[in-house]
């Protein structure tokens, strides 16, 4: 997320508010339901 312009905060392995906000922003920008949850669809999109 950080490498692609979404500010997830430090890559510390903690699912905090900043990380959830970055996930929601990424999901919204990529046509997914912006729920802030880590699921298979999110992981596949990030891996691409």
ModelCIF file with pLDDT and N, C-alpha, C, O atoms, coordinates in Angstrom:
data_MODEL
#
_entry.id   MODEL 
#
_entity.id                         1 
_entity.type                       polymer 
_entity.pdbx_number_of_molecules   1 
#
_entity_poly.entity_id                      1 
_entity_poly.type                           'polypeptide(L)' 
_entity_poly.nstd_linkage                   no 
_entity_poly.nstd_monomer                   no 
_entity_poly.pdbx_seq_one_letter_code       
;(UNK)(UNK)(UNK)(UNK)(UNK)(UNK)(UNK)(UNK)(UNK)(UNK)(UNK)(UNK)(UNK)(UNK)(UNK)(UNK)
(UNK)(UNK)(UNK)(UNK)(UNK)(UNK)(UNK)(UNK)(UNK)(UNK)(UNK)(UNK)(UNK)(UNK)(UNK)(UNK)
(UNK)(UNK)(UNK)(UNK)(UNK)(UNK)(UNK)(UNK)(UNK)(UNK)(UNK)(UNK)(UNK)(UNK)(UNK)(UNK)
;
_entity_poly.pdbx_seq_one_letter_code_can   XXXXXXXXXXXXXXXXXXXXXXXXXXXXXXXXXXXXXXXXXXXXXXXX 
_entity_poly.pdbx_strand_id                 A 
#
loop_
_entity_poly_seq.entity_id 
_entity_poly_seq.num 
_entity_poly_seq.mon_id 
_entity_poly_seq.hetero 
1 1  UNK n 
1 2  UNK n 
1 3  UNK n 
1 4  UNK n 
1 5  UNK n 
1 6  UNK n 
1 7  UNK n 
1 8  UNK n 
1 9  UNK n 
1 10 UNK n 
1 11 UNK n 
1 12 UNK n 
1 13 UNK n 
1 14 UNK n 
1 15 UNK n 
1 16 UNK n 
1 17 UNK n 
1 18 UNK n 
1 19 UNK n 
1 20 UNK n 
1 21 UNK n 
1 22 UNK n 
1 23 UNK n 
1 24 UNK n 
1 25 UNK n 
1 26 UNK n 
1 27 UNK n 
1 28 UNK n 
1 29 UNK n 
1 30 UNK n 
1 31 UNK n 
1 32 UNK n 
1 33 UNK n 
1 34 UNK n 
1 35 UNK n 
1 36 UNK n 
1 37 UNK n 
1 38 UNK n 
1 39 UNK n 
1 40 UNK n 
1 41 UNK n 
1 42 UNK n 
1 43 UNK n 
1 44 UNK n 
1 45 UNK n 
1 46 UNK n 
1 47 UNK n 
1 48 UNK n 
#
_struct_asym.id          A 
_struct_asym.entity_id   1 
#
loop_
_ma_qa_metric.id 
_ma_qa_metric.mode 
_ma_qa_metric.name 
_ma_qa_metric.software_group_id 
_ma_qa_metric.type 
1 global pLDDT . pLDDT 
2 local  pLDDT . pLDDT 
#
_ma_qa_metric_global.metric_id      1 
_ma_qa_metric_global.metric_value   96.27 
_ma_qa_metric_global.model_id       1 
_ma_qa_metric_global.ordinal_id     1 
#
loop_
_ma_qa_metric_local.label_asym_id 
_ma_qa_metric_local.label_comp_id 
_ma_qa_metric_local.label_seq_id 
_ma_qa_metric_local.metric_id 
_ma_qa_metric_local.metric_value 
_ma_qa_metric_local.model_id 
_ma_qa_metric_local.ordinal_id 
A UNK 1  2 98.00 1 1  
A UNK 2  2 98.00 1 2  
A UNK 3  2 97.00 1 3  
A UNK 4  2 96.00 1 4  
A UNK 5  2 97.00 1 5  
A UNK 6  2 97.00 1 6  
A UNK 7  2 98.00 1 7  
A UNK 8  2 98.00 1 8  
A UNK 9  2 97.00 1 9  
A UNK 10 2 97.00 1 10 
A UNK 11 2 97.00 1 11 
A UNK 12 2 97.00 1 12 
A UNK 13 2 96.00 1 13 
A UNK 14 2 95.00 1 14 
A UNK 15 2 95.00 1 15 
A UNK 16 2 96.00 1 16 
A UNK 17 2 97.00 1 17 
A UNK 18 2 97.00 1 18 
A UNK 19 2 98.00 1 19 
A UNK 20 2 97.00 1 20 
A UNK 21 2 98.00 1 21 
A UNK 22 2 98.00 1 22 
A UNK 23 2 98.00 1 23 
A UNK 24 2 98.00 1 24 
A UNK 25 2 98.00 1 25 
A UNK 26 2 98.00 1 26 
A UNK 27 2 98.00 1 27 
A UNK 28 2 98.00 1 28 
A UNK 29 2 97.00 1 29 
A UNK 30 2 96.00 1 30 
A UNK 31 2 97.00 1 31 
A UNK 32 2 97.00 1 32 
A UNK 33 2 97.00 1 33 
A UNK 34 2 97.00 1 34 
A UNK 35 2 97.00 1 35 
A UNK 36 2 96.00 1 36 
A UNK 37 2 93.00 1 37 
A UNK 38 2 92.00 1 38 
A UNK 39 2 93.00 1 39 
A UNK 40 2 93.00 1 40 
A UNK 41 2 95.00 1 41 
A UNK 42 2 95.00 1 42 
A UNK 43 2 93.00 1 43 
A UNK 44 2 95.00 1 44 
A UNK 45 2 96.00 1 45 
A UNK 46 2 95.00 1 46 
A UNK 47 2 92.00 1 47 
A UNK 48 2 93.00 1 48 
#
loop_
_atom_site.group_PDB 
_atom_site.id 
_atom_site.type_symbol 
_atom_site.label_atom_id 
_atom_site.label_alt_id 
_atom_site.label_comp_id 
_atom_site.label_asym_id 
_atom_site.label_entity_id 
_atom_site.label_seq_id 
_atom_site.pdbx_PDB_ins_code 
_atom_site.Cartn_x 
_atom_site.Cartn_y 
_atom_site.Cartn_z 
_atom_site.occupancy 
_atom_site.B_iso_or_equiv 
_atom_site.pdbx_formal_charge 
_atom_site.auth_seq_id 
_atom_site.auth_comp_id 
_atom_site.auth_asym_id 
_atom_site.auth_atom_id 
_atom_site.pdbx_PDB_model_num 
ATOM 1   N N  . UNK A 1 1  ? 0.838   -1.206  0.000   1.00 98.00 ? 1  UNK A N  1 
ATOM 2   C CA . UNK A 1 1  ? 0.000   0.000   0.000   1.00 98.00 ? 1  UNK A CA 1 
ATOM 3   C C  . UNK A 1 1  ? 0.867   1.247   0.000   1.00 98.00 ? 1  UNK A C  1 
ATOM 4   O O  . UNK A 1 1  ? 0.635   2.162   -0.791  1.00 98.00 ? 1  UNK A O  1 
ATOM 5   N N  . UNK A 1 2  ? 1.860   1.298   0.874   1.00 98.00 ? 2  UNK A N  1 
ATOM 6   C CA . UNK A 1 2  ? 2.747   2.466   0.956   1.00 98.00 ? 2  UNK A CA 1 
ATOM 7   C C  . UNK A 1 2  ? 3.474   2.701   -0.361  1.00 98.00 ? 2  UNK A C  1 
ATOM 8   O O  . UNK A 1 2  ? 3.612   3.844   -0.796  1.00 98.00 ? 2  UNK A O  1 
ATOM 9   N N  . UNK A 1 3  ? 3.941   1.629   -1.001  1.00 97.00 ? 3  UNK A N  1 
ATOM 10  C CA . UNK A 1 3  ? 4.678   1.748   -2.265  1.00 97.00 ? 3  UNK A CA 1 
ATOM 11  C C  . UNK A 1 3  ? 3.796   2.220   -3.409  1.00 97.00 ? 3  UNK A C  1 
ATOM 12  O O  . UNK A 1 3  ? 4.299   2.653   -4.445  1.00 97.00 ? 3  UNK A O  1 
ATOM 13  N N  . UNK A 1 4  ? 2.481   2.139   -3.225  1.00 96.00 ? 4  UNK A N  1 
ATOM 14  C CA . UNK A 1 4  ? 1.558   2.525   -4.291  1.00 96.00 ? 4  UNK A CA 1 
ATOM 15  C C  . UNK A 1 4  ? 0.747   3.768   -3.938  1.00 96.00 ? 4  UNK A C  1 
ATOM 16  O O  . UNK A 1 4  ? -0.309  4.016   -4.519  1.00 96.00 ? 4  UNK A O  1 
ATOM 17  N N  . UNK A 1 5  ? 1.252   4.546   -2.981  1.00 97.00 ? 5  UNK A N  1 
ATOM 18  C CA . UNK A 1 5  ? 0.666   5.847   -2.698  1.00 97.00 ? 5  UNK A CA 1 
ATOM 19  C C  . UNK A 1 5  ? -0.455  5.848   -1.678  1.00 97.00 ? 5  UNK A C  1 
ATOM 20  O O  . UNK A 1 5  ? -1.126  6.864   -1.498  1.00 97.00 ? 5  UNK A O  1 
ATOM 21  N N  . UNK A 1 6  ? -0.671  4.722   -1.005  1.00 97.00 ? 6  UNK A N  1 
ATOM 22  C CA . UNK A 1 6  ? -1.685  4.662   0.057   1.00 97.00 ? 6  UNK A CA 1 
ATOM 23  C C  . UNK A 1 6  ? -0.953  4.665   1.389   1.00 97.00 ? 6  UNK A C  1 
ATOM 24  O O  . UNK A 1 6  ? -0.181  3.748   1.671   1.00 97.00 ? 6  UNK A O  1 
ATOM 25  N N  . UNK A 1 7  ? -1.182  5.680   2.209   1.00 98.00 ? 7  UNK A N  1 
ATOM 26  C CA . UNK A 1 7  ? -0.446  5.834   3.466   1.00 98.00 ? 7  UNK A CA 1 
ATOM 27  C C  . UNK A 1 7  ? -0.995  4.884   4.524   1.00 98.00 ? 7  UNK A C  1 
ATOM 28  O O  . UNK A 1 7  ? -1.983  5.181   5.195   1.00 98.00 ? 7  UNK A O  1 
ATOM 29  N N  . UNK A 1 8  ? -0.333  3.736   4.660   1.00 98.00 ? 8  UNK A N  1 
ATOM 30  C CA . UNK A 1 8  ? -0.745  2.739   5.645   1.00 98.00 ? 8  UNK A CA 1 
ATOM 31  C C  . UNK A 1 8  ? 0.047   2.891   6.943   1.00 98.00 ? 8  UNK A C  1 
ATOM 32  O O  . UNK A 1 8  ? -0.091  2.081   7.860   1.00 98.00 ? 8  UNK A O  1 
ATOM 33  N N  . UNK A 1 9  ? 0.879   3.936   7.015   1.00 97.00 ? 9  UNK A N  1 
ATOM 34  C CA . UNK A 1 9  ? 1.723   4.088   8.192   1.00 97.00 ? 9  UNK A CA 1 
ATOM 35  C C  . UNK A 1 9  ? 2.906   3.137   8.106   1.00 97.00 ? 9  UNK A C  1 
ATOM 36  O O  . UNK A 1 9  ? 3.143   2.530   7.061   1.00 97.00 ? 9  UNK A O  1 
ATOM 37  N N  . UNK A 1 10 ? 3.647   3.006   9.198   1.00 97.00 ? 10 UNK A N  1 
ATOM 38  C CA . UNK A 1 10 ? 4.824   2.133   9.160   1.00 97.00 ? 10 UNK A CA 1 
ATOM 39  C C  . UNK A 1 10 ? 4.429   0.680   8.943   1.00 97.00 ? 10 UNK A C  1 
ATOM 40  O O  . UNK A 1 10 ? 3.397   0.232   9.442   1.00 97.00 ? 10 UNK A O  1 
ATOM 41  N N  . UNK A 1 11 ? 5.251   -0.061  8.198   1.00 97.00 ? 11 UNK A N  1 
ATOM 42  C CA . UNK A 1 11 ? 4.977   -1.481  7.946   1.00 97.00 ? 11 UNK A CA 1 
ATOM 43  C C  . UNK A 1 11 ? 5.403   -2.275  9.181   1.00 97.00 ? 11 UNK A C  1 
ATOM 44  O O  . UNK A 1 11 ? 6.466   -2.895  9.217   1.00 97.00 ? 11 UNK A O  1 
ATOM 45  N N  . UNK A 1 12 ? 4.524   -2.231  10.199  1.00 97.00 ? 12 UNK A N  1 
ATOM 46  C CA . UNK A 1 12 ? 4.862   -2.811  11.502  1.00 97.00 ? 12 UNK A CA 1 
ATOM 47  C C  . UNK A 1 12 ? 4.054   -4.062  11.819  1.00 97.00 ? 12 UNK A C  1 
ATOM 48  O O  . UNK A 1 12 ? 4.210   -4.647  12.891  1.00 97.00 ? 12 UNK A O  1 
ATOM 49  N N  . UNK A 1 13 ? 3.195   -4.476  10.897  1.00 96.00 ? 13 UNK A N  1 
ATOM 50  C CA . UNK A 1 13 ? 2.416   -5.688  11.114  1.00 96.00 ? 13 UNK A CA 1 
ATOM 51  C C  . UNK A 1 13 ? 1.205   -5.506  12.004  1.00 96.00 ? 13 UNK A C  1 
ATOM 52  O O  . UNK A 1 13 ? 0.528   -6.476  12.343  1.00 96.00 ? 13 UNK A O  1 
ATOM 53  N N  . UNK A 1 14 ? 0.923   -4.251  12.389  1.00 95.00 ? 14 UNK A N  1 
ATOM 54  C CA . UNK A 1 14 ? -0.217  -3.963  13.263  1.00 95.00 ? 14 UNK A CA 1 
ATOM 55  C C  . UNK A 1 14 ? -1.347  -3.366  12.425  1.00 95.00 ? 14 UNK A C  1 
ATOM 56  O O  . UNK A 1 14 ? -1.142  -2.385  11.711  1.00 95.00 ? 14 UNK A O  1 
ATOM 57  N N  . UNK A 1 15 ? -2.537  -3.959  12.512  1.00 95.00 ? 15 UNK A N  1 
ATOM 58  C CA . UNK A 1 15 ? -3.687  -3.485  11.749  1.00 95.00 ? 15 UNK A CA 1 
ATOM 59  C C  . UNK A 1 15 ? -4.337  -2.329  12.500  1.00 95.00 ? 15 UNK A C  1 
ATOM 60  O O  . UNK A 1 15 ? -5.317  -2.507  13.222  1.00 95.00 ? 15 UNK A O  1 
ATOM 61  N N  . UNK A 1 16 ? -3.770  -1.142  12.313  1.00 96.00 ? 16 UNK A N  1 
ATOM 62  C CA . UNK A 1 16 ? -4.289  0.043   12.987  1.00 96.00 ? 16 UNK A CA 1 
ATOM 63  C C  . UNK A 1 16 ? -5.224  0.835   12.092  1.00 96.00 ? 16 UNK A C  1 
ATOM 64  O O  . UNK A 1 16 ? -5.554  0.418   10.982  1.00 96.00 ? 16 UNK A O  1 
ATOM 65  N N  . UNK A 1 17 ? -5.644  1.988   12.599  1.00 97.00 ? 17 UNK A N  1 
ATOM 66  C CA . UNK A 1 17 ? -6.601  2.831   11.879  1.00 97.00 ? 17 UNK A CA 1 
ATOM 67  C C  . UNK A 1 17 ? -6.040  3.300   10.538  1.00 97.00 ? 17 UNK A C  1 
ATOM 68  O O  . UNK A 1 17 ? -6.770  3.352   9.548   1.00 97.00 ? 17 UNK A O  1 
ATOM 69  N N  . UNK A 1 18 ? -4.744  3.643   10.496  1.00 97.00 ? 18 UNK A N  1 
ATOM 70  C CA . UNK A 1 18 ? -4.141  4.126   9.255   1.00 97.00 ? 18 UNK A CA 1 
ATOM 71  C C  . UNK A 1 18 ? -4.117  3.026   8.201   1.00 97.00 ? 18 UNK A C  1 
ATOM 72  O O  . UNK A 1 18 ? -4.380  3.272   7.024   1.00 97.00 ? 18 UNK A O  1 
ATOM 73  N N  . UNK A 1 19 ? -3.801  1.823   8.636   1.00 98.00 ? 19 UNK A N  1 
ATOM 74  C CA . UNK A 1 19 ? -3.765  0.698   7.698   1.00 98.00 ? 19 UNK A CA 1 
ATOM 75  C C  . UNK A 1 19 ? -5.165  0.420   7.167   1.00 98.00 ? 19 UNK A C  1 
ATOM 76  O O  . UNK A 1 19 ? -5.344  0.208   5.968   1.00 98.00 ? 19 UNK A O  1 
ATOM 77  N N  . UNK A 1 20 ? -6.155  0.418   8.050   1.00 97.00 ? 20 UNK A N  1 
ATOM 78  C CA . UNK A 1 20 ? -7.536  0.172   7.601   1.00 97.00 ? 20 UNK A CA 1 
ATOM 79  C C  . UNK A 1 20 ? -8.005  1.264   6.646   1.00 97.00 ? 20 UNK A C  1 
ATOM 80  O O  . UNK A 1 20 ? -8.689  0.976   5.664   1.00 97.00 ? 20 UNK A O  1 
ATOM 81  N N  . UNK A 1 21 ? -7.642  2.513   6.928   1.00 98.00 ? 21 UNK A N  1 
ATOM 82  C CA . UNK A 1 21 ? -8.035  3.618   6.038   1.00 98.00 ? 21 UNK A CA 1 
ATOM 83  C C  . UNK A 1 21 ? -7.383  3.449   4.669   1.00 98.00 ? 21 UNK A C  1 
ATOM 84  O O  . UNK A 1 21 ? -8.017  3.700   3.644   1.00 98.00 ? 21 UNK A O  1 
ATOM 85  N N  . UNK A 1 22 ? -6.119  3.025   4.650   1.00 98.00 ? 22 UNK A N  1 
ATOM 86  C CA . UNK A 1 22 ? -5.421  2.810   3.379   1.00 98.00 ? 22 UNK A CA 1 
ATOM 87  C C  . UNK A 1 22 ? -6.059  1.661   2.604   1.00 98.00 ? 22 UNK A C  1 
ATOM 88  O O  . UNK A 1 22 ? -6.207  1.734   1.384   1.00 98.00 ? 22 UNK A O  1 
ATOM 89  N N  . UNK A 1 23 ? -6.437  0.594   3.321   1.00 98.00 ? 23 UNK A N  1 
ATOM 90  C CA . UNK A 1 23 ? -7.105  -0.537  2.668   1.00 98.00 ? 23 UNK A CA 1 
ATOM 91  C C  . UNK A 1 23 ? -8.434  -0.086  2.072   1.00 98.00 ? 23 UNK A C  1 
ATOM 92  O O  . UNK A 1 23 ? -8.759  -0.437  0.938   1.00 98.00 ? 23 UNK A O  1 
ATOM 93  N N  . UNK A 1 24 ? -9.202  0.691   2.833   1.00 98.00 ? 24 UNK A N  1 
ATOM 94  C CA . UNK A 1 24 ? -10.496 1.185   2.331   1.00 98.00 ? 24 UNK A CA 1 
ATOM 95  C C  . UNK A 1 24 ? -10.298 2.053   1.092   1.00 98.00 ? 24 UNK A C  1 
ATOM 96  O O  . UNK A 1 24 ? -11.048 1.928   0.124   1.00 98.00 ? 24 UNK A O  1 
ATOM 97  N N  . UNK A 1 25 ? -9.298  2.927   1.112   1.00 98.00 ? 25 UNK A N  1 
ATOM 98  C CA . UNK A 1 25 ? -9.033  3.797   -0.041  1.00 98.00 ? 25 UNK A CA 1 
ATOM 99  C C  . UNK A 1 25 ? -8.646  2.960   -1.257  1.00 98.00 ? 25 UNK A C  1 
ATOM 100 O O  . UNK A 1 25 ? -9.109  3.217   -2.368  1.00 98.00 ? 25 UNK A O  1 
ATOM 101 N N  . UNK A 1 26 ? -7.799  1.964   -1.040  1.00 98.00 ? 26 UNK A N  1 
ATOM 102 C CA . UNK A 1 26 ? -7.398  1.079   -2.134  1.00 98.00 ? 26 UNK A CA 1 
ATOM 103 C C  . UNK A 1 26 ? -8.600  0.321   -2.683  1.00 98.00 ? 26 UNK A C  1 
ATOM 104 O O  . UNK A 1 26 ? -8.782  0.222   -3.897  1.00 98.00 ? 26 UNK A O  1 
ATOM 105 N N  . UNK A 1 27 ? -9.419  -0.215  -1.779  1.00 98.00 ? 27 UNK A N  1 
ATOM 106 C CA . UNK A 1 27 ? -10.601 -0.962  -2.211  1.00 98.00 ? 27 UNK A CA 1 
ATOM 107 C C  . UNK A 1 27 ? -11.532 -0.068  -3.030  1.00 98.00 ? 27 UNK A C  1 
ATOM 108 O O  . UNK A 1 27 ? -12.015 -0.476  -4.086  1.00 98.00 ? 27 UNK A O  1 
ATOM 109 N N  . UNK A 1 28 ? -11.781 1.143   -2.548  1.00 98.00 ? 28 UNK A N  1 
ATOM 110 C CA . UNK A 1 28 ? -12.686 2.059   -3.251  1.00 98.00 ? 28 UNK A CA 1 
ATOM 111 C C  . UNK A 1 28 ? -12.138 2.402   -4.634  1.00 98.00 ? 28 UNK A C  1 
ATOM 112 O O  . UNK A 1 28 ? -12.894 2.473   -5.603  1.00 98.00 ? 28 UNK A O  1 
ATOM 113 N N  . UNK A 1 29 ? -10.825 2.615   -4.727  1.00 97.00 ? 29 UNK A N  1 
ATOM 114 C CA . UNK A 1 29 ? -10.203 2.999   -5.992  1.00 97.00 ? 29 UNK A CA 1 
ATOM 115 C C  . UNK A 1 29 ? -10.175 1.841   -6.988  1.00 97.00 ? 29 UNK A C  1 
ATOM 116 O O  . UNK A 1 29 ? -9.970  2.052   -8.183  1.00 97.00 ? 29 UNK A O  1 
ATOM 117 N N  . UNK A 1 30 ? -10.378 0.630   -6.501  1.00 96.00 ? 30 UNK A N  1 
ATOM 118 C CA . UNK A 1 30 ? -10.274 -0.548  -7.360  1.00 96.00 ? 30 UNK A CA 1 
ATOM 119 C C  . UNK A 1 30 ? -11.590 -1.307  -7.485  1.00 96.00 ? 30 UNK A C  1 
ATOM 120 O O  . UNK A 1 30 ? -11.604 -2.493  -7.817  1.00 96.00 ? 30 UNK A O  1 
ATOM 121 N N  . UNK A 1 31 ? -12.701 -0.610  -7.214  1.00 97.00 ? 31 UNK A N  1 
ATOM 122 C CA . UNK A 1 31 ? -14.013 -1.182  -7.463  1.00 97.00 ? 31 UNK A CA 1 
ATOM 123 C C  . UNK A 1 31 ? -14.434 -2.285  -6.511  1.00 97.00 ? 31 UNK A C  1 
ATOM 124 O O  . UNK A 1 31 ? -15.312 -3.086  -6.832  1.00 97.00 ? 31 UNK A O  1 
ATOM 125 N N  . UNK A 1 32 ? -13.815 -2.328  -5.348  1.00 97.00 ? 32 UNK A N  1 
ATOM 126 C CA . UNK A 1 32 ? -14.190 -3.340  -4.363  1.00 97.00 ? 32 UNK A CA 1 
ATOM 127 C C  . UNK A 1 32 ? -15.052 -2.688  -3.285  1.00 97.00 ? 32 UNK A C  1 
ATOM 128 O O  . UNK A 1 32 ? -15.111 -1.463  -3.175  1.00 97.00 ? 32 UNK A O  1 
ATOM 129 N N  . UNK A 1 33 ? -15.714 -3.521  -2.498  1.00 97.00 ? 33 UNK A N  1 
ATOM 130 C CA . UNK A 1 33 ? -16.437 -3.004  -1.346  1.00 97.00 ? 33 UNK A CA 1 
ATOM 131 C C  . UNK A 1 33 ? -15.408 -2.479  -0.348  1.00 97.00 ? 33 UNK A C  1 
ATOM 132 O O  . UNK A 1 33 ? -14.541 -3.225  0.106   1.00 97.00 ? 33 UNK A O  1 
ATOM 133 N N  . UNK A 1 34 ? -15.507 -1.182  -0.006  1.00 97.00 ? 34 UNK A N  1 
ATOM 134 C CA . UNK A 1 34 ? -14.510 -0.547  0.870   1.00 97.00 ? 34 UNK A CA 1 
ATOM 135 C C  . UNK A 1 34 ? -14.853 -0.814  2.329   1.00 97.00 ? 34 UNK A C  1 
ATOM 136 O O  . UNK A 1 34 ? -15.381 0.051   3.028   1.00 97.00 ? 34 UNK A O  1 
ATOM 137 N N  . UNK A 1 35 ? -14.542 -2.029  2.773   1.00 97.00 ? 35 UNK A N  1 
ATOM 138 C CA . UNK A 1 35 ? -14.875 -2.417  4.141   1.00 97.00 ? 35 UNK A CA 1 
ATOM 139 C C  . UNK A 1 35 ? -13.644 -2.477  5.050   1.00 97.00 ? 35 UNK A C  1 
ATOM 140 O O  . UNK A 1 35 ? -13.771 -2.696  6.254   1.00 97.00 ? 35 UNK A O  1 
ATOM 141 N N  . UNK A 1 36 ? -12.453 -2.283  4.475   1.00 96.00 ? 36 UNK A N  1 
ATOM 142 C CA . UNK A 1 36 ? -11.238 -2.297  5.281   1.00 96.00 ? 36 UNK A CA 1 
ATOM 143 C C  . UNK A 1 36 ? -10.807 -3.678  5.718   1.00 96.00 ? 36 UNK A C  1 
ATOM 144 O O  . UNK A 1 36 ? -9.876  -3.822  6.510   1.00 96.00 ? 36 UNK A O  1 
ATOM 145 N N  . UNK A 1 37 ? -11.488 -4.709  5.200   1.00 93.00 ? 37 UNK A N  1 
ATOM 146 C CA . UNK A 1 37 ? -11.163 -6.084  5.584   1.00 93.00 ? 37 UNK A CA 1 
ATOM 147 C C  . UNK A 1 37 ? -10.136 -6.677  4.622   1.00 93.00 ? 37 UNK A C  1 
ATOM 148 O O  . UNK A 1 37 ? -10.144 -6.381  3.428   1.00 93.00 ? 37 UNK A O  1 
ATOM 149 N N  . UNK A 1 38 ? -9.259  -7.511  5.158   1.00 92.00 ? 38 UNK A N  1 
ATOM 150 C CA . UNK A 1 38 ? -8.309  -8.241  4.325   1.00 92.00 ? 38 UNK A CA 1 
ATOM 151 C C  . UNK A 1 38 ? -8.980  -9.537  3.884   1.00 92.00 ? 38 UNK A C  1 
ATOM 152 O O  . UNK A 1 38 ? -9.299  -10.397 4.706   1.00 92.00 ? 38 UNK A O  1 
ATOM 153 N N  . UNK A 1 39 ? -9.188  -9.664  2.580   1.00 93.00 ? 39 UNK A N  1 
ATOM 154 C CA . UNK A 1 39 ? -9.780  -10.883 2.038   1.00 93.00 ? 39 UNK A CA 1 
ATOM 155 C C  . UNK A 1 39 ? -9.006  -11.295 0.788   1.00 93.00 ? 39 UNK A C  1 
ATOM 156 O O  . UNK A 1 39 ? -8.062  -10.618 0.381   1.00 93.00 ? 39 UNK A O  1 
ATOM 157 N N  . UNK A 1 40 ? -9.414  -12.411 0.184   1.00 93.00 ? 40 UNK A N  1 
ATOM 158 C CA . UNK A 1 40 ? -8.694  -12.927 -0.983  1.00 93.00 ? 40 UNK A CA 1 
ATOM 159 C C  . UNK A 1 40 ? -8.654  -11.923 -2.124  1.00 93.00 ? 40 UNK A C  1 
ATOM 160 O O  . UNK A 1 40 ? -7.630  -11.778 -2.792  1.00 93.00 ? 40 UNK A O  1 
ATOM 161 N N  . UNK A 1 41 ? -9.762  -11.230 -2.350  1.00 95.00 ? 41 UNK A N  1 
ATOM 162 C CA . UNK A 1 41 ? -9.832  -10.252 -3.449  1.00 95.00 ? 41 UNK A CA 1 
ATOM 163 C C  . UNK A 1 41 ? -8.803  -9.139  -3.243  1.00 95.00 ? 41 UNK A C  1 
ATOM 164 O O  . UNK A 1 41 ? -8.110  -8.745  -4.181  1.00 95.00 ? 41 UNK A O  1 
ATOM 165 N N  . UNK A 1 42 ? -8.708  -8.637  -2.009  1.00 95.00 ? 42 UNK A N  1 
ATOM 166 C CA . UNK A 1 42 ? -7.741  -7.581  -1.693  1.00 95.00 ? 42 UNK A CA 1 
ATOM 167 C C  . UNK A 1 42 ? -6.315  -8.082  -1.898  1.00 95.00 ? 42 UNK A C  1 
ATOM 168 O O  . UNK A 1 42 ? -5.501  -7.414  -2.534  1.00 95.00 ? 42 UNK A O  1 
ATOM 169 N N  . UNK A 1 43 ? -6.023  -9.251  -1.359  1.00 93.00 ? 43 UNK A N  1 
ATOM 170 C CA . UNK A 1 43 ? -4.662  -9.792  -1.446  1.00 93.00 ? 43 UNK A CA 1 
ATOM 171 C C  . UNK A 1 43 ? -4.256  -10.005 -2.901  1.00 93.00 ? 43 UNK A C  1 
ATOM 172 O O  . UNK A 1 43 ? -3.135  -9.671  -3.286  1.00 93.00 ? 43 UNK A O  1 
ATOM 173 N N  . UNK A 1 44 ? -5.162  -10.559 -3.716  1.00 95.00 ? 44 UNK A N  1 
ATOM 174 C CA . UNK A 1 44 ? -4.855  -10.778 -5.135  1.00 95.00 ? 44 UNK A CA 1 
ATOM 175 C C  . UNK A 1 44 ? -4.578  -9.458  -5.849  1.00 95.00 ? 44 UNK A C  1 
ATOM 176 O O  . UNK A 1 44 ? -3.635  -9.363  -6.634  1.00 95.00 ? 44 UNK A O  1 
ATOM 177 N N  . UNK A 1 45 ? -5.396  -8.439  -5.578  1.00 96.00 ? 45 UNK A N  1 
ATOM 178 C CA . UNK A 1 45 ? -5.213  -7.138  -6.220  1.00 96.00 ? 45 UNK A CA 1 
ATOM 179 C C  . UNK A 1 45 ? -3.893  -6.510  -5.806  1.00 96.00 ? 45 UNK A C  1 
ATOM 180 O O  . UNK A 1 45 ? -3.197  -5.927  -6.638  1.00 96.00 ? 45 UNK A O  1 
ATOM 181 N N  . UNK A 1 46 ? -3.538  -6.622  -4.524  1.00 95.00 ? 46 UNK A N  1 
ATOM 182 C CA . UNK A 1 46 ? -2.267  -6.071  -4.056  1.00 95.00 ? 46 UNK A CA 1 
ATOM 183 C C  . UNK A 1 46 ? -1.078  -6.815  -4.644  1.00 95.00 ? 46 UNK A C  1 
ATOM 184 O O  . UNK A 1 46 ? -0.074  -6.201  -5.006  1.00 95.00 ? 46 UNK A O  1 
ATOM 185 N N  . UNK A 1 47 ? -1.187  -8.123  -4.739  1.00 92.00 ? 47 UNK A N  1 
ATOM 186 C CA . UNK A 1 47 ? -0.081  -8.906  -5.288  1.00 92.00 ? 47 UNK A CA 1 
ATOM 187 C C  . UNK A 1 47 ? 0.162   -8.562  -6.748  1.00 92.00 ? 47 UNK A C  1 
ATOM 188 O O  . UNK A 1 47 ? 1.299   -8.626  -7.214  1.00 92.00 ? 47 UNK A O  1 
ATOM 189 N N  . UNK A 1 48 ? -0.892  -8.195  -7.481  1.00 93.00 ? 48 UNK A N  1 
ATOM 190 C CA . UNK A 1 48 ? -0.722  -7.794  -8.878  1.00 93.00 ? 48 UNK A CA 1 
ATOM 191 C C  . UNK A 1 48 ? 0.075   -6.490  -8.988  1.00 93.00 ? 48 UNK A C  1 
ATOM 192 O O  . UNK A 1 48 ? 0.313   -6.003  -10.093 1.00 93.00 ? 48 UNK A O  1 
#
